[in-house]
Structures are given as C-alpha cells and as structure tokens.
C-alpha cells in the first residue's frame, strides 16, 4: 500500500523539520521546500497527495503558490499563517486552499487535520467494497475489483487507477495533465494521448456506466454520478 505523500512548504527550517517529523511518525512520506518556487519544482518531481504551506515566504509566497497549483492541480492544500483574520481565511479559500490553521499550532492537530481532509476526499471509496451512489458501479480498492450491476469487470492497472482517481474527485473537472501526472507520474515522457486511450478502454469495459465519465472539451474529464 502506498503511503500518502506530503509536501511541506515552510521557510523556517526548524518548524519545517518538526512538521516533517510528526508526519513521518504518522506514516506519511514527506517532501520539503522552503519557498513557493521550490515547491512547484517538487510537485513536478513527486506524486504529492497533500500540500501544507506557509504564507509569508521569500521568492514566491503561499498565496501565489496556491494560485499556481490551482491552475494545474486539484491536490488538497492546507495553509499555515500567523494571521488569523477572517478576511485572510476567506482569501485562502477563494484561491483554492482546502483548510486553514493559524500559528502557533500543535503539530498533532495539523496531522489530524491532514488525515481528516484526506479521509474526506478518499471517503467516497471505503476500504472494502463500496457502491458508488447514483451509479451501478461498486469498487473494492483493496482487491482492485470493479463490478457493474453486480457483474465483475476486469480492468487493467492503469484503467483501475484512473477510475478510482476520477471517482475520488467526483464532480471536479480533471485535466489530462492532472490525470497523467497522478497515474503515470511527473517523470513520464510519453504522449499525453495515452490518457484518452485508457479512458476509451475504461468506458468500453464499464458499458452502460460509461456516461458517468464525461469529456470536457479541450480540457479533460469529470466523473459525475446521477442525481
């Protein structure tokens, strides 16, 4: 089972190390950066599940980092800042952060917030077999099994991973680049059309539920269950 990977972006080395240590104790893998520009480089190098970022940093601050990430990715973001005013919290949410914690804070609370955020995002799919509400699909992510209306469907590893990624982000439009980076990794140097090929195969295999995977012209795909 792949451990979740955190990118912690904080220019204060001691605090960054404390955060990293607590997450490692909680069985996370940790990637570090001390400013926004370096964080963008780390996002290109690693498959990141969550970003925890400070706001006041040199080179590129946290606000600009959030805006830059949101232009390319739906990765969850928790913002750290000394400021606790409501207008700053609202600004964070407006530019795409998912949660907010003011300094000083307890590293244990930060880890708990991170785990809760990830559990909510992944909670559409439980550890065992889960029927996806509004569909005839059921997915067992531990057994890598998919059923359509009770009938087992055989998916390749990439097809399964794409379906799981789409379902976890149901209702969110994912670009081809996001899907490529999440499933194949940032180091993949093949043709981006591999995403379209795998989606086409996936749709063919899930038959009548293929309409759940919607094509967003000139951008990517979205999983949208029936009301």
Protein backbone atom coordinates (compact mmCIF):
# COMPACT_ATOMS: atom_id res chain seq x y z
CA UNK A 1 0.00 0.00 0.00
CA UNK A 2 1.41 3.41 -0.99
CA UNK A 3 1.79 5.84 1.89
CA UNK A 4 0.39 9.33 1.48
CA UNK A 5 2.97 11.91 0.47
CA UNK A 6 3.11 15.40 1.98
CA UNK A 7 4.80 18.45 0.51
CA UNK A 8 5.57 20.85 3.38
CA UNK A 9 6.48 24.38 2.26
CA UNK A 10 7.96 26.48 5.07
CA UNK A 11 10.97 28.82 5.07
CA UNK A 12 11.68 28.33 8.78
CA UNK A 13 13.86 25.21 8.74
CA UNK A 14 13.23 24.21 12.37
CA UNK A 15 9.45 24.35 12.03
CA UNK A 16 9.59 22.57 8.68
CA UNK A 17 11.58 19.75 10.31
CA UNK A 18 9.13 19.48 13.21
CA UNK A 19 6.20 19.18 10.79
CA UNK A 20 8.07 16.61 8.72
CA UNK A 21 8.92 14.53 11.79
CA UNK A 22 5.31 14.41 13.00
CA UNK A 23 4.00 13.37 9.60
CA UNK A 24 6.67 10.69 9.25
CA UNK A 25 5.62 9.31 12.63
CA UNK A 26 2.09 9.13 11.22
CA UNK A 27 3.39 7.00 8.31
CA UNK A 28 3.43 9.76 5.71
CA UNK A 29 6.22 10.25 3.22
CA UNK A 30 7.46 13.85 3.30
CA UNK A 31 8.94 16.14 0.65
CA UNK A 32 10.22 19.56 1.74
CA UNK A 33 10.55 23.01 0.16
CA UNK A 34 11.47 26.38 1.69
CA UNK A 35 9.62 28.64 -0.76
CA UNK A 36 6.86 28.53 -3.36
CA UNK A 37 9.11 28.31 -6.37
CA UNK A 38 10.92 25.30 -4.95
CA UNK A 39 7.54 23.77 -4.08
CA UNK A 40 6.48 23.93 -7.75
CA UNK A 41 9.65 22.03 -8.66
CA UNK A 42 8.89 19.38 -6.02
CA UNK A 43 5.35 18.99 -7.36
CA UNK A 44 6.81 18.26 -10.79
CA UNK A 45 9.17 15.67 -9.34
CA UNK A 46 6.89 13.77 -6.95
CA UNK A 47 3.33 12.42 -6.73
CA UNK A 48 2.08 14.66 -3.91
CA UNK A 49 -1.16 13.88 -2.05
CA UNK A 50 -1.29 16.99 0.16
CA UNK A 51 0.43 20.39 0.34
CA UNK A 52 0.91 22.19 3.66
CA UNK A 53 2.23 25.69 3.00
CA UNK A 54 3.18 28.78 4.93
CA UNK A 55 2.10 32.16 3.53
CA UNK A 56 4.96 34.56 4.31
CA UNK A 57 7.92 33.18 2.37
CA UNK A 58 10.63 34.62 0.11
CA UNK A 59 10.81 34.15 -3.68
CA UNK A 60 7.16 33.04 -4.02
CA UNK A 61 4.72 33.38 -1.13
CA UNK A 62 1.94 31.00 -0.20
CA UNK A 63 -0.82 32.96 -1.91
CA UNK A 64 0.95 32.83 -5.26
CA UNK A 65 1.83 29.18 -4.71
CA UNK A 66 -1.84 28.30 -4.14
CA UNK A 67 -2.90 30.17 -7.26
CA UNK A 68 -0.19 28.45 -9.30
CA UNK A 69 -1.10 24.99 -8.01
CA UNK A 70 -4.80 25.50 -8.68
CA UNK A 71 -4.15 26.34 -12.32
CA UNK A 72 -2.73 22.84 -12.78
CA UNK A 73 -3.86 20.56 -9.98
CA UNK A 74 -6.65 19.63 -7.55
CA UNK A 75 -4.19 18.46 -4.87
CA UNK A 76 -5.51 19.38 -1.38
CA UNK A 77 -3.85 22.39 0.30
CA UNK A 78 -3.68 23.37 3.97
CA UNK A 79 -2.49 26.93 4.61
CA UNK A 80 -0.36 27.90 7.63
CA UNK A 81 -0.13 31.52 8.67
CA UNK A 82 0.44 33.83 11.63
CA UNK A 83 -2.57 35.84 10.52
CA UNK A 84 -5.92 34.73 11.87
CA UNK A 85 -8.26 37.36 10.50
CA UNK A 86 -11.41 36.14 8.76
CA UNK A 87 -10.53 38.06 5.60
CA UNK A 88 -7.28 36.12 5.31
CA UNK A 89 -9.11 32.84 5.79
CA UNK A 90 -11.59 33.84 3.11
CA UNK A 91 -8.75 34.80 0.78
CA UNK A 92 -7.22 31.37 1.31
CA UNK A 93 -10.42 29.59 0.43
CA UNK A 94 -11.05 31.86 -2.55
CA UNK A 95 -7.70 30.97 -4.12
CA UNK A 96 -8.25 27.26 -3.63
CA UNK A 97 -6.96 26.14 -0.24
CA UNK A 98 -8.93 23.36 1.45
CA UNK A 99 -8.22 24.11 5.11
CA UNK A 100 -6.52 26.71 7.26
CA UNK A 101 -4.56 26.64 10.53
CA UNK A 102 -3.12 29.62 12.38
CA UNK A 103 0.27 29.79 14.07
CA UNK A 104 1.18 28.82 16.68
CA UNK A 105 -0.36 25.39 16.26
CA UNK A 106 0.01 21.85 17.54
CA UNK A 107 1.76 19.56 15.03
CA UNK A 108 -0.53 16.77 16.25
CA UNK A 109 -3.57 18.87 15.33
CA UNK A 110 -2.08 19.59 11.92
CA UNK A 111 -1.56 15.87 11.28
CA UNK A 112 -5.13 15.18 12.44
CA UNK A 113 -6.48 17.88 10.10
CA UNK A 114 -4.45 16.43 7.24
CA UNK A 115 -5.69 12.90 7.86
CA UNK A 116 -9.29 14.08 8.18
CA UNK A 117 -9.05 16.07 4.95
CA UNK A 118 -7.60 13.11 3.06
CA UNK A 119 -10.15 10.72 4.57
CA UNK A 120 -12.97 13.02 3.41
CA UNK A 121 -11.55 13.21 -0.09
CA UNK A 122 -10.97 9.47 -0.27
CA UNK A 123 -14.06 8.54 1.72
CA UNK A 124 -16.14 8.08 -1.40
CA UNK A 125 -14.36 4.73 -1.60
CA UNK A 126 -14.17 2.71 1.61
CA UNK A 127 -11.53 0.08 2.32
CA UNK A 128 -13.86 -2.74 1.31
CA UNK A 129 -16.41 -2.91 -1.48
CA UNK A 130 -18.30 0.36 -1.97
CA UNK A 131 -21.27 1.03 -4.18
CA UNK A 132 -20.89 4.48 -5.71
CA UNK A 133 -24.08 6.42 -5.01
CA UNK A 134 -26.02 7.27 -8.16
CA UNK A 135 -24.36 4.50 -10.20
CA UNK A 136 -24.38 0.75 -10.78
CA UNK A 137 -20.66 0.71 -10.01
CA UNK A 138 -19.09 -0.92 -6.98
CA UNK A 139 -15.37 -0.69 -6.29
CA UNK A 140 -13.17 -2.66 -3.93
CA UNK A 141 -9.96 -0.64 -3.86
CA UNK A 142 -8.02 -3.15 -1.75
CA UNK A 143 -8.87 -6.09 -4.00
CA UNK A 144 -8.67 -3.94 -7.16
CA UNK A 145 -12.10 -5.19 -8.21
CA UNK A 146 -14.87 -3.37 -10.05
CA UNK A 147 -18.42 -4.55 -10.62
CA UNK A 148 -21.12 -3.09 -12.86
CA UNK A 149 -24.64 -4.03 -11.75
CA UNK A 150 -23.14 -6.93 -9.80
CA UNK A 151 -21.07 -8.23 -12.71
CA UNK A 152 -17.31 -8.35 -12.32
CA UNK A 153 -15.38 -6.19 -14.80
CA UNK A 154 -11.72 -6.85 -15.49
CA UNK A 155 -9.72 -3.61 -15.63
CA UNK A 156 -6.04 -3.13 -16.28
CA UNK A 157 -3.98 -1.46 -13.50
CA UNK A 158 -3.99 1.97 -15.16
CA UNK A 159 -7.72 1.74 -16.01
CA UNK A 160 -8.49 0.90 -12.38
CA UNK A 161 -6.30 3.73 -11.05
CA UNK A 162 -7.91 6.24 -13.43
CA UNK A 163 -11.42 5.18 -12.40
CA UNK A 164 -10.51 5.45 -8.71
CA UNK A 165 -8.95 8.89 -9.24
CA UNK A 166 -12.00 10.15 -11.11
CA UNK A 167 -14.42 8.80 -8.51
CA UNK A 168 -12.44 10.28 -5.60
CA UNK A 169 -12.68 13.64 -7.36
CA UNK A 170 -16.29 13.23 -8.47
CA UNK A 171 -17.80 16.45 -9.77
CA UNK A 172 -14.35 18.00 -10.31
CA UNK A 173 -13.00 18.54 -13.81
CA UNK A 174 -9.56 16.96 -14.09
CA UNK A 175 -7.23 17.97 -16.89
CA UNK A 176 -5.38 15.39 -18.95
CA UNK A 177 -2.17 16.70 -17.37
CA UNK A 178 -3.51 16.10 -13.85
CA UNK A 179 -4.56 12.56 -14.71
CA UNK A 180 -1.25 11.85 -16.45
CA UNK A 181 0.80 13.15 -13.52
CA UNK A 182 -1.28 11.32 -10.92
CA UNK A 183 -1.38 7.95 -12.68
CA UNK A 184 1.90 7.84 -14.62
CA UNK A 185 3.96 10.28 -12.54
CA UNK A 186 5.68 13.55 -13.36
CA UNK A 187 8.65 11.76 -14.92
CA UNK A 188 6.54 10.12 -17.66
CA UNK A 189 7.74 11.38 -21.03
CA UNK A 190 5.22 9.64 -23.30
CA UNK A 191 2.34 11.12 -25.26
CA UNK A 192 -0.47 12.70 -23.22
CA UNK A 193 -2.95 10.97 -25.54
CA UNK A 194 -2.31 7.82 -23.51
CA UNK A 195 -4.91 9.28 -21.11
CA UNK A 196 -7.56 9.37 -23.84
CA UNK A 197 -6.70 5.82 -24.88
CA UNK A 198 -7.07 4.47 -21.35
CA UNK A 199 -10.33 6.39 -20.80
CA UNK A 200 -11.72 4.93 -24.04
CA UNK A 201 -10.86 1.39 -22.89
CA UNK A 202 -12.28 2.06 -19.43
CA UNK A 203 -15.57 3.31 -20.85
CA UNK A 204 -15.87 0.29 -23.11
CA UNK A 205 -15.41 -2.07 -20.16
CA UNK A 206 -17.92 -0.42 -17.83
CA UNK A 207 -20.53 -0.40 -20.60
CA UNK A 208 -23.76 1.30 -19.61
CA UNK A 209 -21.99 3.32 -16.92
CA UNK A 210 -19.57 4.85 -19.43
CA UNK A 211 -21.64 8.05 -19.47
CA UNK A 212 -20.54 8.71 -15.89
CA UNK A 213 -17.12 9.69 -17.26
CA UNK A 214 -17.81 12.96 -19.02
CA UNK A 215 -15.49 14.54 -21.57
CA UNK A 216 -14.83 18.24 -21.03
CA UNK A 217 -13.87 19.56 -24.49
CA UNK A 218 -10.31 20.89 -24.84
CA UNK A 219 -9.58 20.15 -21.18
CA UNK A 220 -10.11 16.71 -19.67
CA UNK A 221 -12.63 14.53 -17.86
CA UNK A 222 -15.08 14.52 -14.98
CA UNK A 223 -16.88 11.73 -13.11
CA UNK A 224 -20.47 12.78 -12.49
CA UNK A 225 -22.90 10.39 -10.82
CA UNK A 226 -26.62 10.58 -11.50
CA UNK A 227 -28.72 12.73 -9.18
